[in-house]
N, C-alpha and C. Protein backbone atom coordinates (compact mmCIF):
# COMPACT_ATOMS: atom_id res chain seq x y z
N MET A 1 -162.81 -135.47 91.59
CA MET A 1 -162.48 -134.85 90.41
C MET A 1 -161.86 -133.66 89.65
N GLY A 2 -161.38 -133.29 88.79
CA GLY A 2 -160.49 -131.70 89.03
C GLY A 2 -161.68 -131.36 87.65
N LYS A 3 -161.04 -129.77 87.47
CA LYS A 3 -162.16 -128.92 86.93
C LYS A 3 -162.54 -128.85 85.26
N HIS A 4 -161.75 -129.96 84.87
CA HIS A 4 -161.80 -130.34 83.62
C HIS A 4 -162.70 -131.71 83.34
N GLY A 5 -163.15 -132.39 84.54
CA GLY A 5 -163.93 -133.27 84.62
C GLY A 5 -163.11 -134.72 84.38
N LYS A 6 -162.03 -134.87 84.59
CA LYS A 6 -161.45 -136.06 84.80
C LYS A 6 -160.13 -135.65 85.96
N HIS A 7 -159.17 -136.71 86.27
CA HIS A 7 -158.36 -136.81 87.40
C HIS A 7 -157.13 -136.18 86.73
N THR A 8 -157.26 -135.12 85.85
CA THR A 8 -155.74 -134.31 85.62
C THR A 8 -155.74 -132.98 86.48
N LEU A 9 -154.90 -132.97 87.05
CA LEU A 9 -154.26 -132.21 88.08
C LEU A 9 -153.82 -131.06 87.27
N VAL A 10 -154.16 -129.86 87.10
CA VAL A 10 -153.60 -128.64 86.54
C VAL A 10 -152.63 -127.61 87.65
N VAL A 11 -151.21 -127.50 86.94
CA VAL A 11 -150.67 -126.88 87.97
C VAL A 11 -150.21 -125.58 87.17
N GLY A 12 -150.74 -124.58 87.48
CA GLY A 12 -150.50 -123.32 86.76
C GLY A 12 -149.16 -122.63 87.24
N LEU A 13 -148.19 -122.55 86.11
CA LEU A 13 -146.54 -122.27 86.40
C LEU A 13 -146.91 -120.51 86.64
N THR A 14 -146.16 -119.86 87.36
CA THR A 14 -146.15 -118.51 86.95
C THR A 14 -144.89 -118.17 87.67
N GLY A 15 -144.52 -116.22 87.48
CA GLY A 15 -143.55 -115.86 87.98
C GLY A 15 -143.32 -114.81 87.41
N GLY A 16 -142.92 -113.90 87.74
CA GLY A 16 -142.07 -112.51 86.74
C GLY A 16 -140.89 -113.10 85.65
N ILE A 17 -141.00 -111.49 84.82
CA ILE A 17 -140.05 -111.95 83.75
C ILE A 17 -138.54 -112.12 84.42
N GLY A 18 -137.84 -113.07 83.74
CA GLY A 18 -136.36 -113.59 84.09
C GLY A 18 -136.65 -114.46 85.44
N SER A 19 -137.71 -114.59 86.02
CA SER A 19 -137.18 -115.83 87.02
C SER A 19 -136.75 -116.84 87.10
N GLY A 20 -137.21 -117.49 85.69
CA GLY A 20 -136.64 -118.83 85.29
C GLY A 20 -137.61 -119.60 84.99
N LYS A 21 -139.17 -119.36 84.67
CA LYS A 21 -140.53 -120.12 84.14
C LYS A 21 -139.83 -121.35 83.24
N THR A 22 -139.25 -120.53 82.01
CA THR A 22 -139.13 -121.58 80.78
C THR A 22 -137.76 -122.73 81.49
N THR A 23 -136.90 -122.15 82.35
CA THR A 23 -136.07 -123.50 82.84
C THR A 23 -137.10 -124.41 83.88
N VAL A 24 -137.41 -124.28 84.62
CA VAL A 24 -138.47 -124.84 85.46
C VAL A 24 -139.76 -125.72 84.60
N ALA A 25 -140.05 -125.03 83.74
CA ALA A 25 -141.17 -126.00 82.94
C ALA A 25 -140.49 -126.86 81.92
N GLU A 26 -138.95 -126.90 81.71
CA GLU A 26 -138.32 -128.04 81.14
C GLU A 26 -137.98 -128.91 82.04
N GLY A 27 -137.50 -128.43 83.30
CA GLY A 27 -137.33 -129.64 84.33
C GLY A 27 -138.62 -130.64 84.13
N PHE A 28 -139.84 -130.21 84.32
CA PHE A 28 -140.96 -130.83 84.30
C PHE A 28 -141.08 -131.72 82.96
N SER A 29 -141.07 -131.34 81.89
CA SER A 29 -141.24 -131.82 80.54
C SER A 29 -140.16 -133.07 80.77
N ALA A 30 -139.19 -132.89 80.91
CA ALA A 30 -137.47 -133.83 80.93
C ALA A 30 -138.39 -134.73 82.05
N LEU A 31 -139.41 -134.83 82.67
CA LEU A 31 -139.69 -135.93 83.44
C LEU A 31 -141.17 -136.76 82.93
N GLY A 32 -141.31 -136.20 81.79
CA GLY A 32 -142.67 -136.81 81.29
C GLY A 32 -143.99 -136.17 81.09
N VAL A 33 -143.67 -134.76 81.93
CA VAL A 33 -145.02 -134.13 82.37
C VAL A 33 -145.47 -133.28 81.46
N PRO A 34 -146.72 -132.86 80.35
CA PRO A 34 -146.96 -132.20 80.03
C PRO A 34 -147.16 -130.78 80.17
N VAL A 35 -146.45 -130.30 79.43
CA VAL A 35 -146.27 -128.57 79.91
C VAL A 35 -147.50 -128.06 78.22
N ILE A 36 -147.93 -126.86 78.85
CA ILE A 36 -148.74 -126.15 78.19
C ILE A 36 -148.28 -124.66 78.34
N ASP A 37 -147.68 -123.91 77.21
CA ASP A 37 -147.23 -122.61 77.43
C ASP A 37 -148.01 -121.70 77.04
N ALA A 38 -148.35 -120.79 77.72
CA ALA A 38 -149.55 -120.03 77.35
C ALA A 38 -148.45 -119.09 76.15
N ASP A 39 -147.13 -118.40 76.38
CA ASP A 39 -146.76 -117.63 75.31
C ASP A 39 -146.22 -118.23 74.12
N GLN A 40 -146.07 -119.40 74.14
CA GLN A 40 -145.71 -120.42 72.64
C GLN A 40 -147.09 -120.33 71.77
N LEU A 41 -148.19 -120.44 72.83
CA LEU A 41 -149.53 -120.36 72.27
C LEU A 41 -149.64 -119.02 71.54
N ALA A 42 -149.73 -117.91 72.47
CA ALA A 42 -149.41 -116.71 71.95
C ALA A 42 -148.29 -116.38 70.69
N ARG A 43 -147.60 -117.05 70.37
CA ARG A 43 -146.65 -117.10 69.16
C ARG A 43 -147.19 -117.79 67.75
N GLU A 44 -147.74 -118.91 68.32
CA GLU A 44 -148.61 -119.75 67.17
C GLU A 44 -150.14 -118.68 66.89
N LEU A 45 -150.32 -118.01 67.58
CA LEU A 45 -151.81 -117.32 67.29
C LEU A 45 -151.35 -116.16 66.55
N VAL A 46 -149.96 -115.28 66.24
CA VAL A 46 -149.48 -114.31 65.83
C VAL A 46 -148.23 -114.57 64.32
N GLU A 47 -148.91 -116.01 64.15
CA GLU A 47 -148.09 -116.57 63.04
C GLU A 47 -148.43 -115.63 61.71
N PRO A 48 -148.12 -115.45 60.44
CA PRO A 48 -148.41 -114.91 59.11
C PRO A 48 -149.96 -115.79 58.53
N GLY A 49 -150.44 -115.10 58.37
CA GLY A 49 -152.03 -115.58 58.20
C GLY A 49 -153.19 -115.70 59.16
N GLN A 50 -152.91 -115.69 60.19
CA GLN A 50 -153.63 -115.91 61.36
C GLN A 50 -154.39 -114.52 61.55
N PRO A 51 -155.76 -114.60 61.92
CA PRO A 51 -156.20 -113.50 62.43
C PRO A 51 -155.95 -112.77 63.06
N ALA A 52 -155.26 -113.46 64.31
CA ALA A 52 -155.27 -112.20 65.35
C ALA A 52 -153.89 -111.34 64.88
N LEU A 53 -153.10 -111.83 64.23
CA LEU A 53 -151.90 -111.03 63.25
C LEU A 53 -152.56 -109.96 62.65
N ASP A 54 -153.74 -109.66 61.73
CA ASP A 54 -154.40 -108.93 61.37
C ASP A 54 -154.71 -107.99 62.46
N GLU A 55 -155.27 -108.18 63.37
CA GLU A 55 -156.33 -107.66 63.97
C GLU A 55 -155.34 -106.69 65.09
N ILE A 56 -154.05 -107.28 64.95
CA ILE A 56 -152.80 -106.45 65.85
C ILE A 56 -152.52 -105.26 64.83
N ILE A 57 -152.28 -105.81 63.02
CA ILE A 57 -151.67 -104.67 62.39
C ILE A 57 -152.75 -103.52 62.56
N GLU A 58 -154.05 -103.97 62.55
CA GLU A 58 -155.30 -102.63 62.63
C GLU A 58 -154.83 -101.62 63.45
N ILE A 59 -154.44 -102.27 64.88
CA ILE A 59 -154.35 -101.53 65.53
C ILE A 59 -152.61 -100.48 65.70
N PHE A 60 -151.87 -101.51 65.92
CA PHE A 60 -150.61 -100.65 65.83
C PHE A 60 -149.78 -100.73 64.64
N GLY A 61 -150.61 -100.79 63.12
CA GLY A 61 -150.05 -100.19 62.03
C GLY A 61 -149.06 -101.41 61.39
N LYS A 62 -148.50 -101.11 59.97
CA LYS A 62 -147.65 -101.63 59.55
C LYS A 62 -146.42 -101.81 60.05
N ALA A 63 -146.09 -101.23 61.09
CA ALA A 63 -144.41 -100.96 61.80
C ALA A 63 -144.39 -102.31 62.72
N SER A 64 -145.62 -102.85 63.07
CA SER A 64 -145.86 -103.93 63.63
C SER A 64 -145.15 -105.48 63.32
N VAL A 65 -145.27 -105.36 62.27
CA VAL A 65 -144.52 -106.45 61.34
C VAL A 65 -143.48 -106.16 60.16
N ALA A 66 -142.71 -107.53 60.59
CA ALA A 66 -141.46 -107.21 59.66
C ALA A 66 -141.45 -107.66 58.35
N PRO A 67 -140.27 -107.40 57.49
CA PRO A 67 -140.57 -107.64 56.03
C PRO A 67 -140.82 -109.06 55.62
N ASP A 68 -140.61 -109.80 56.68
CA ASP A 68 -140.76 -111.66 56.43
C ASP A 68 -142.13 -112.03 56.60
N GLY A 69 -143.07 -110.77 57.39
CA GLY A 69 -144.40 -110.89 57.37
C GLY A 69 -144.50 -111.18 59.58
N GLN A 70 -143.58 -111.75 59.57
CA GLN A 70 -143.52 -111.69 61.19
C GLN A 70 -143.91 -110.82 61.60
N LEU A 71 -144.28 -111.15 63.26
CA LEU A 71 -144.43 -110.22 64.29
C LEU A 71 -143.36 -109.02 64.46
N GLU A 72 -143.10 -108.24 64.51
CA GLU A 72 -141.79 -107.33 65.34
C GLU A 72 -142.16 -107.43 67.09
N ARG A 73 -141.87 -108.22 67.44
CA ARG A 73 -141.90 -108.20 68.94
C ARG A 73 -141.56 -106.80 69.78
N SER A 74 -140.10 -106.47 69.72
CA SER A 74 -139.52 -105.63 69.88
C SER A 74 -140.34 -104.61 69.79
N TYR A 75 -140.51 -104.02 68.92
CA TYR A 75 -141.27 -102.85 68.77
C TYR A 75 -142.74 -102.83 69.26
N LEU A 76 -143.46 -103.76 69.24
CA LEU A 76 -145.17 -104.02 70.28
C LEU A 76 -144.38 -104.06 71.38
N ARG A 77 -143.53 -104.56 71.93
CA ARG A 77 -143.02 -104.76 73.45
C ARG A 77 -142.73 -102.91 73.81
N GLU A 78 -142.35 -102.34 73.26
CA GLU A 78 -141.86 -101.35 73.49
C GLU A 78 -142.98 -100.15 73.53
N LYS A 79 -143.84 -100.45 72.65
CA LYS A 79 -145.38 -99.85 72.29
C LYS A 79 -146.20 -99.90 73.60
N ILE A 80 -146.60 -101.10 73.77
CA ILE A 80 -147.34 -101.76 75.13
C ILE A 80 -146.74 -101.13 76.41
N TYR A 81 -145.61 -101.30 76.70
CA TYR A 81 -145.56 -100.63 78.25
C TYR A 81 -144.82 -99.20 78.52
N THR A 82 -145.51 -98.49 77.52
CA THR A 82 -145.41 -96.95 77.22
C THR A 82 -146.54 -96.73 77.21
N ASP A 83 -147.30 -97.31 76.75
CA ASP A 83 -149.29 -96.97 76.60
C ASP A 83 -149.94 -98.41 77.10
N VAL A 84 -150.64 -98.11 78.40
CA VAL A 84 -151.36 -98.97 79.23
C VAL A 84 -152.73 -99.22 78.03
N GLY A 85 -153.14 -97.94 77.48
CA GLY A 85 -154.22 -98.28 76.65
C GLY A 85 -154.29 -99.52 75.67
N LEU A 86 -152.85 -99.46 74.92
CA LEU A 86 -152.56 -100.45 73.54
C LEU A 86 -152.52 -102.02 74.40
N LYS A 87 -151.74 -101.55 75.58
CA LYS A 87 -151.55 -102.88 76.21
C LYS A 87 -152.70 -103.83 76.24
N LEU A 88 -153.60 -103.13 77.11
CA LEU A 88 -154.99 -103.83 77.13
C LEU A 88 -155.65 -103.83 75.94
N ARG A 89 -155.49 -103.27 74.76
CA ARG A 89 -156.48 -103.59 73.32
C ARG A 89 -155.46 -105.00 72.67
N LEU A 90 -154.34 -105.12 73.27
CA LEU A 90 -153.65 -106.51 72.52
C LEU A 90 -153.85 -107.68 73.46
N GLU A 91 -153.99 -107.19 74.85
CA GLU A 91 -154.50 -108.23 75.43
C GLU A 91 -155.79 -109.09 75.39
N ALA A 92 -156.55 -107.79 74.58
CA ALA A 92 -158.13 -108.08 74.31
C ALA A 92 -158.35 -109.28 73.55
N ILE A 93 -157.20 -108.93 72.34
CA ILE A 93 -157.01 -109.85 70.76
C ILE A 93 -156.22 -111.27 71.16
N LEU A 94 -155.58 -110.97 72.20
CA LEU A 94 -154.92 -112.56 72.13
C LEU A 94 -155.45 -113.29 73.76
N HIS A 95 -155.76 -112.64 74.50
CA HIS A 95 -156.29 -113.97 75.93
C HIS A 95 -157.16 -114.55 75.74
N PRO A 96 -158.69 -114.09 75.33
CA PRO A 96 -159.34 -114.93 74.71
C PRO A 96 -158.93 -116.25 74.01
N LYS A 97 -157.94 -115.97 72.85
CA LYS A 97 -158.06 -117.21 71.99
C LYS A 97 -157.08 -118.08 72.63
N ILE A 98 -156.25 -117.30 73.34
CA ILE A 98 -155.10 -118.39 74.33
C ILE A 98 -155.88 -119.03 75.31
N ARG A 99 -157.27 -118.42 75.81
CA ARG A 99 -157.85 -119.10 76.67
C ARG A 99 -158.35 -120.36 76.33
N GLN A 100 -158.87 -120.17 75.21
CA GLN A 100 -159.70 -121.27 74.20
C GLN A 100 -158.86 -122.52 74.23
N ARG A 101 -157.83 -121.81 73.73
CA ARG A 101 -156.73 -123.10 73.38
C ARG A 101 -156.15 -123.90 74.34
N ILE A 102 -155.97 -123.14 75.45
CA ILE A 102 -155.62 -123.96 76.74
C ILE A 102 -156.54 -124.95 77.03
N ARG A 103 -157.91 -124.60 77.25
CA ARG A 103 -159.15 -125.40 77.65
C ARG A 103 -158.79 -126.22 76.68
N THR A 104 -159.06 -126.30 75.59
CA THR A 104 -158.99 -127.51 74.24
C THR A 104 -158.12 -128.10 74.52
N LEU A 105 -156.31 -127.94 74.83
CA LEU A 105 -155.27 -129.13 75.08
C LEU A 105 -155.72 -129.33 76.49
N LEU A 106 -156.11 -129.12 77.38
CA LEU A 106 -156.30 -129.83 78.66
C LEU A 106 -157.14 -130.67 78.69
N SER A 107 -158.18 -130.48 77.68
CA SER A 107 -159.41 -131.74 77.61
C SER A 107 -158.61 -132.96 77.09
N ASN A 108 -157.60 -132.95 76.51
CA ASN A 108 -157.17 -134.04 75.82
C ASN A 108 -155.73 -134.74 76.24
N ILE A 109 -155.47 -134.03 77.94
CA ILE A 109 -154.26 -134.60 78.50
C ILE A 109 -155.20 -136.03 79.50
N GLN A 110 -154.16 -136.76 79.44
CA GLN A 110 -154.75 -138.11 79.97
C GLN A 110 -153.62 -138.67 81.45
N GLU A 111 -152.62 -137.65 81.18
CA GLU A 111 -151.63 -137.78 82.32
C GLU A 111 -152.55 -137.42 83.65
N PRO A 112 -151.67 -138.04 85.03
CA PRO A 112 -151.56 -137.75 86.20
C PRO A 112 -152.29 -136.13 86.69
N TYR A 113 -151.31 -135.18 85.97
CA TYR A 113 -151.33 -134.05 86.27
C TYR A 113 -150.36 -133.46 84.82
N CYS A 114 -150.49 -132.09 85.01
CA CYS A 114 -149.70 -131.23 83.54
C CYS A 114 -149.42 -129.53 84.31
N ILE A 115 -148.57 -129.18 83.28
CA ILE A 115 -148.23 -127.79 84.03
C ILE A 115 -148.86 -126.64 82.71
N VAL A 116 -149.32 -125.64 83.45
CA VAL A 116 -149.72 -124.85 82.35
C VAL A 116 -148.81 -123.54 82.17
N VAL A 117 -147.81 -123.09 81.82
CA VAL A 117 -147.33 -121.81 82.32
C VAL A 117 -148.03 -120.52 81.66
N ILE A 118 -148.34 -119.68 82.47
CA ILE A 118 -149.28 -118.91 82.40
C ILE A 118 -148.14 -117.30 83.07
N PRO A 119 -147.73 -116.94 82.31
CA PRO A 119 -146.75 -115.89 83.04
C PRO A 119 -147.57 -114.71 83.80
N LEU A 120 -148.59 -114.70 83.02
CA LEU A 120 -149.68 -113.36 83.94
C LEU A 120 -151.01 -113.63 84.78
N LEU A 121 -150.66 -115.07 85.21
CA LEU A 121 -151.60 -115.85 85.58
C LEU A 121 -152.56 -114.85 86.36
N LEU A 122 -151.90 -114.56 87.47
CA LEU A 122 -152.35 -113.78 88.63
C LEU A 122 -153.02 -112.20 88.07
N GLU A 123 -152.49 -111.54 87.00
CA GLU A 123 -152.53 -110.43 86.37
C GLU A 123 -153.74 -110.01 85.68
N THR A 124 -154.13 -111.70 85.16
CA THR A 124 -155.20 -111.51 84.38
C THR A 124 -156.65 -112.50 84.70
N GLN A 125 -156.07 -112.77 86.04
CA GLN A 125 -157.30 -113.55 86.53
C GLN A 125 -157.50 -114.70 85.86
N GLN A 126 -156.74 -115.68 85.73
CA GLN A 126 -157.12 -116.94 85.12
C GLN A 126 -156.84 -118.08 85.65
N ASN A 127 -156.85 -117.99 87.39
CA ASN A 127 -156.67 -118.60 88.10
C ASN A 127 -158.00 -120.31 88.37
N ASP A 128 -158.91 -119.47 87.47
CA ASP A 128 -160.23 -120.73 87.57
C ASP A 128 -159.45 -122.10 86.39
N LEU A 129 -158.42 -121.59 85.58
CA LEU A 129 -157.69 -122.68 84.52
C LEU A 129 -157.16 -123.69 85.36
N VAL A 130 -156.88 -123.49 86.49
CA VAL A 130 -155.75 -124.44 87.37
C VAL A 130 -156.18 -124.97 88.65
N ASN A 131 -155.67 -125.97 89.00
CA ASN A 131 -156.16 -126.32 90.36
C ASN A 131 -155.17 -125.85 91.47
N ARG A 132 -153.73 -125.73 90.89
CA ARG A 132 -153.40 -125.08 92.26
C ARG A 132 -151.98 -124.01 91.08
N ILE A 133 -151.23 -123.18 92.05
CA ILE A 133 -150.26 -122.07 91.77
C ILE A 133 -148.99 -122.39 92.04
N LEU A 134 -148.12 -122.75 91.21
CA LEU A 134 -146.76 -122.83 91.42
C LEU A 134 -145.76 -121.64 91.13
N VAL A 135 -145.78 -120.75 92.02
CA VAL A 135 -144.60 -119.70 91.91
C VAL A 135 -143.06 -119.79 91.68
N VAL A 136 -142.59 -119.54 90.38
CA VAL A 136 -141.08 -119.84 90.76
C VAL A 136 -140.54 -117.50 91.06
N ASP A 137 -139.75 -118.04 91.79
CA ASP A 137 -139.49 -116.40 92.48
C ASP A 137 -138.19 -116.55 92.49
N ALA A 138 -137.46 -115.17 92.34
CA ALA A 138 -136.27 -114.67 92.29
C ALA A 138 -136.34 -113.50 92.63
N PRO A 139 -135.22 -113.06 93.08
CA PRO A 139 -134.86 -111.49 93.19
C PRO A 139 -134.81 -110.85 92.16
N GLU A 140 -135.38 -109.48 92.34
CA GLU A 140 -135.16 -108.43 91.06
C GLU A 140 -133.97 -108.00 90.58
N LYS A 141 -133.03 -107.97 91.09
CA LYS A 141 -131.75 -107.59 90.57
C LYS A 141 -131.08 -109.19 89.60
N GLU A 142 -131.53 -110.41 90.01
CA GLU A 142 -131.11 -111.18 89.15
C GLU A 142 -132.47 -111.37 88.09
N GLN A 143 -133.81 -111.16 88.46
CA GLN A 143 -134.65 -110.97 87.02
C GLN A 143 -133.81 -110.06 86.08
N ARG A 144 -133.61 -108.73 86.74
CA ARG A 144 -132.90 -107.89 85.68
C ARG A 144 -131.77 -108.33 84.64
N GLN A 145 -130.95 -109.14 85.31
CA GLN A 145 -129.81 -109.27 84.80
C GLN A 145 -130.15 -110.59 83.72
N ARG A 146 -130.88 -111.59 83.73
CA ARG A 146 -131.46 -112.37 82.99
C ARG A 146 -132.22 -111.80 81.40
N VAL A 147 -132.92 -110.73 82.42
CA VAL A 147 -133.67 -110.20 81.01
C VAL A 147 -132.56 -109.66 80.20
N ALA A 148 -131.94 -108.42 80.80
CA ALA A 148 -131.02 -107.97 79.81
C ALA A 148 -130.23 -108.79 79.21
N ALA A 149 -129.75 -109.82 79.38
CA ALA A 149 -128.94 -110.84 78.74
C ALA A 149 -129.56 -111.46 77.96
N ARG A 150 -130.92 -112.10 77.80
CA ARG A 150 -131.28 -112.68 77.07
C ARG A 150 -132.41 -111.84 75.99
N ASP A 151 -132.67 -110.48 76.15
CA ASP A 151 -133.68 -110.09 75.43
C ASP A 151 -132.79 -108.64 75.02
N SER A 152 -131.92 -108.31 75.48
CA SER A 152 -131.16 -107.32 74.87
C SER A 152 -132.09 -105.62 75.02
N LEU A 153 -132.51 -105.69 76.18
CA LEU A 153 -133.99 -104.64 76.69
C LEU A 153 -133.33 -103.35 77.22
N SER A 154 -133.72 -102.43 77.22
CA SER A 154 -133.07 -101.08 78.07
C SER A 154 -133.50 -101.48 79.59
N ASP A 155 -132.75 -100.75 80.39
CA ASP A 155 -133.17 -101.07 81.87
C ASP A 155 -134.94 -100.75 82.00
N ASN A 156 -135.12 -99.56 81.31
CA ASN A 156 -135.92 -98.59 81.80
C ASN A 156 -137.56 -99.73 81.13
N THR A 157 -136.98 -100.35 80.08
CA THR A 157 -138.35 -101.22 79.72
C THR A 157 -138.60 -102.45 80.55
N ILE A 158 -137.38 -103.02 80.92
CA ILE A 158 -137.45 -104.07 81.86
C ILE A 158 -137.77 -103.80 83.24
N MET A 159 -137.78 -102.53 83.86
CA MET A 159 -138.16 -102.56 85.18
C MET A 159 -139.77 -101.86 84.95
N ALA A 160 -140.02 -101.56 83.24
CA ALA A 160 -141.48 -101.01 83.32
C ALA A 160 -142.39 -102.51 83.22
N ILE A 161 -141.74 -103.13 82.65
CA ILE A 161 -142.58 -104.54 82.53
C ILE A 161 -142.42 -105.25 84.38
N ILE A 162 -141.90 -105.16 84.46
CA ILE A 162 -141.33 -105.84 86.28
C ILE A 162 -142.41 -105.21 87.08
N GLN A 163 -142.65 -103.81 86.29
CA GLN A 163 -143.59 -102.89 87.40
C GLN A 163 -145.07 -103.19 87.15
N SER A 164 -145.30 -103.56 85.66
CA SER A 164 -146.50 -104.06 85.51
C SER A 164 -146.94 -105.23 86.00
N GLN A 165 -146.29 -106.43 86.20
CA GLN A 165 -146.76 -107.29 86.55
C GLN A 165 -147.01 -107.48 88.25
N ALA A 166 -147.54 -108.55 88.77
CA ALA A 166 -147.79 -108.12 90.25
C ALA A 166 -146.22 -108.09 90.71
N ASP A 167 -146.14 -108.03 92.03
CA ASP A 167 -145.35 -107.58 92.86
C ASP A 167 -145.00 -109.23 93.36
N ARG A 168 -143.89 -109.22 94.06
CA ARG A 168 -143.23 -110.66 94.72
C ARG A 168 -144.49 -110.94 95.68
N SER A 169 -144.73 -109.94 96.49
CA SER A 169 -145.58 -110.65 97.68
C SER A 169 -146.90 -111.07 97.46
N THR A 170 -147.45 -110.20 96.31
CA THR A 170 -148.49 -110.50 95.75
C THR A 170 -148.57 -112.15 95.43
N ARG A 171 -147.74 -112.40 94.40
CA ARG A 171 -147.30 -113.51 94.01
C ARG A 171 -147.30 -114.73 94.99
N LEU A 172 -146.05 -114.45 95.88
CA LEU A 172 -146.04 -115.67 96.85
C LEU A 172 -147.24 -115.91 97.81
N ALA A 173 -148.11 -114.53 97.72
CA ALA A 173 -149.39 -114.68 98.93
C ALA A 173 -150.57 -115.98 98.09
N ALA A 174 -150.09 -116.00 96.81
CA ALA A 174 -151.37 -116.76 95.96
C ALA A 174 -150.78 -117.97 95.45
N ALA A 175 -149.48 -118.19 96.09
CA ALA A 175 -148.90 -119.58 95.62
C ALA A 175 -149.26 -120.63 96.66
N ASP A 176 -149.37 -121.95 95.83
CA ASP A 176 -149.64 -123.07 96.46
C ASP A 176 -148.55 -123.62 96.60
N ASP A 177 -147.29 -123.67 95.67
CA ASP A 177 -145.78 -123.94 96.06
C ASP A 177 -145.36 -122.95 95.39
N VAL A 178 -143.96 -123.16 95.65
CA VAL A 178 -142.94 -122.01 95.66
C VAL A 178 -141.72 -122.88 95.07
N ILE A 179 -141.03 -122.25 93.80
CA ILE A 179 -139.33 -122.48 93.90
C ILE A 179 -138.68 -121.27 93.60
N VAL A 180 -137.86 -121.38 94.48
CA VAL A 180 -136.67 -119.97 94.47
C VAL A 180 -135.66 -120.16 93.75
N ASN A 181 -135.54 -119.53 92.72
CA ASN A 181 -134.72 -119.71 91.97
C ASN A 181 -133.18 -118.71 92.02
N ASP A 182 -132.91 -119.06 92.65
CA ASP A 182 -131.52 -117.88 93.53
C ASP A 182 -130.26 -118.94 93.45
N ARG A 183 -130.43 -119.81 93.17
CA ARG A 183 -128.94 -120.99 93.19
C ARG A 183 -128.72 -121.43 92.07
N ASN A 184 -128.10 -122.90 92.34
CA ASN A 184 -127.56 -123.45 90.87
C ASN A 184 -128.70 -124.50 90.26
N ILE A 185 -128.37 -124.91 88.98
CA ILE A 185 -128.99 -125.85 88.48
C ILE A 185 -129.65 -127.04 88.68
N ALA A 186 -128.49 -127.75 89.97
CA ALA A 186 -128.76 -128.82 90.63
C ALA A 186 -129.97 -128.79 91.78
N SER A 187 -129.62 -127.52 92.39
CA SER A 187 -130.88 -127.49 93.56
C SER A 187 -132.14 -127.15 93.09
N LEU A 188 -132.13 -126.65 91.56
CA LEU A 188 -133.39 -126.19 90.96
C LEU A 188 -133.85 -127.65 90.80
N THR A 189 -133.15 -128.55 89.91
CA THR A 189 -133.78 -129.96 89.44
C THR A 189 -134.20 -130.75 90.56
N ASP A 190 -133.71 -130.48 91.82
CA ASP A 190 -133.93 -131.30 93.00
C ASP A 190 -135.39 -131.10 93.33
N ARG A 191 -135.41 -129.83 93.76
CA ARG A 191 -136.64 -128.80 93.75
C ARG A 191 -137.88 -129.45 93.01
N ILE A 192 -137.56 -129.71 91.51
CA ILE A 192 -138.94 -129.83 90.81
C ILE A 192 -138.81 -130.90 90.69
N GLN A 193 -138.04 -132.21 90.93
CA GLN A 193 -138.10 -133.71 91.58
C GLN A 193 -139.02 -133.99 92.46
N GLU A 194 -138.99 -133.15 93.70
CA GLU A 194 -139.71 -132.89 94.88
C GLU A 194 -140.87 -132.66 94.80
N LEU A 195 -141.26 -131.40 93.76
CA LEU A 195 -142.57 -131.20 93.80
C LEU A 195 -143.29 -132.20 92.55
N HIS A 196 -142.35 -132.85 91.70
CA HIS A 196 -142.97 -133.95 90.86
C HIS A 196 -144.11 -135.20 91.81
N GLN A 197 -143.12 -135.56 92.68
CA GLN A 197 -143.51 -136.62 93.59
C GLN A 197 -144.66 -135.89 94.16
N HIS A 198 -144.37 -134.71 94.79
CA HIS A 198 -145.74 -134.14 95.64
C HIS A 198 -146.62 -134.06 94.64
N TYR A 199 -147.02 -133.72 93.49
CA TYR A 199 -147.95 -133.83 92.56
C TYR A 199 -148.13 -134.66 91.90
N MET A 200 -147.71 -135.99 92.02
CA MET A 200 -148.36 -137.22 91.23
C MET A 200 -149.22 -137.67 92.76
N GLU A 201 -148.76 -137.75 93.85
CA GLU A 201 -149.36 -137.92 95.12
C GLU A 201 -150.75 -137.31 95.12
N ILE A 202 -150.73 -135.94 94.90
CA ILE A 202 -152.24 -135.16 95.02
C ILE A 202 -153.10 -135.65 93.97
N ALA A 203 -152.55 -135.86 92.98
CA ALA A 203 -153.05 -136.38 91.37
C ALA A 203 -153.72 -137.64 91.58
N TYR A 204 -153.29 -138.48 92.07
CA TYR A 204 -154.21 -139.85 92.74
C TYR A 204 -155.04 -139.84 93.50
N ASP A 205 -154.91 -138.43 94.54
CA ASP A 205 -155.84 -138.32 95.34
C ASP A 205 -157.38 -137.30 95.32
N HIS A 206 -156.81 -136.79 93.73
CA HIS A 206 -157.26 -135.59 93.38
C HIS A 206 -158.76 -136.20 92.91
């Protein structure tokens, strides 16, 4: 039996910023695998009217919210990666709520296995939520290029984010499975398909 009281294998998907977690998660989703994304849950928790948003405004001030009432993510990101104390306070607001939501969603899954995308799985010691850890790995140079193209952050901020996360060797040491995302989408798709078969087999032995 799995940790959630039934035969659902829970695979925790993690990796550094810009490693390609979203692409990998979409690949599993295309195969019909349920995907729970901690970042998506975090976004839902800070929608206007949600208690977490009010708590964030109390700590970070009115500048943390845009005129339309949405969270100013770029402002918040710059703040937390230059002030560890503020980062910890933000995590204290969001992480328990995200964790509870993940548990609720897991309890409703009937499929043989599911993917839970937790970017900071190792950093936040959430290993107990999952049965296996799948790490998406990419060279740091590629991480930086992808993040710069996607988020238009300064190189200093990107490096601060990378340095705040577990290093590659720590992640790889904790991994049960690894996807190296340094080639083309076809090879990535092949690897996802291979792991899908592997997880289906494990799930039925689970």
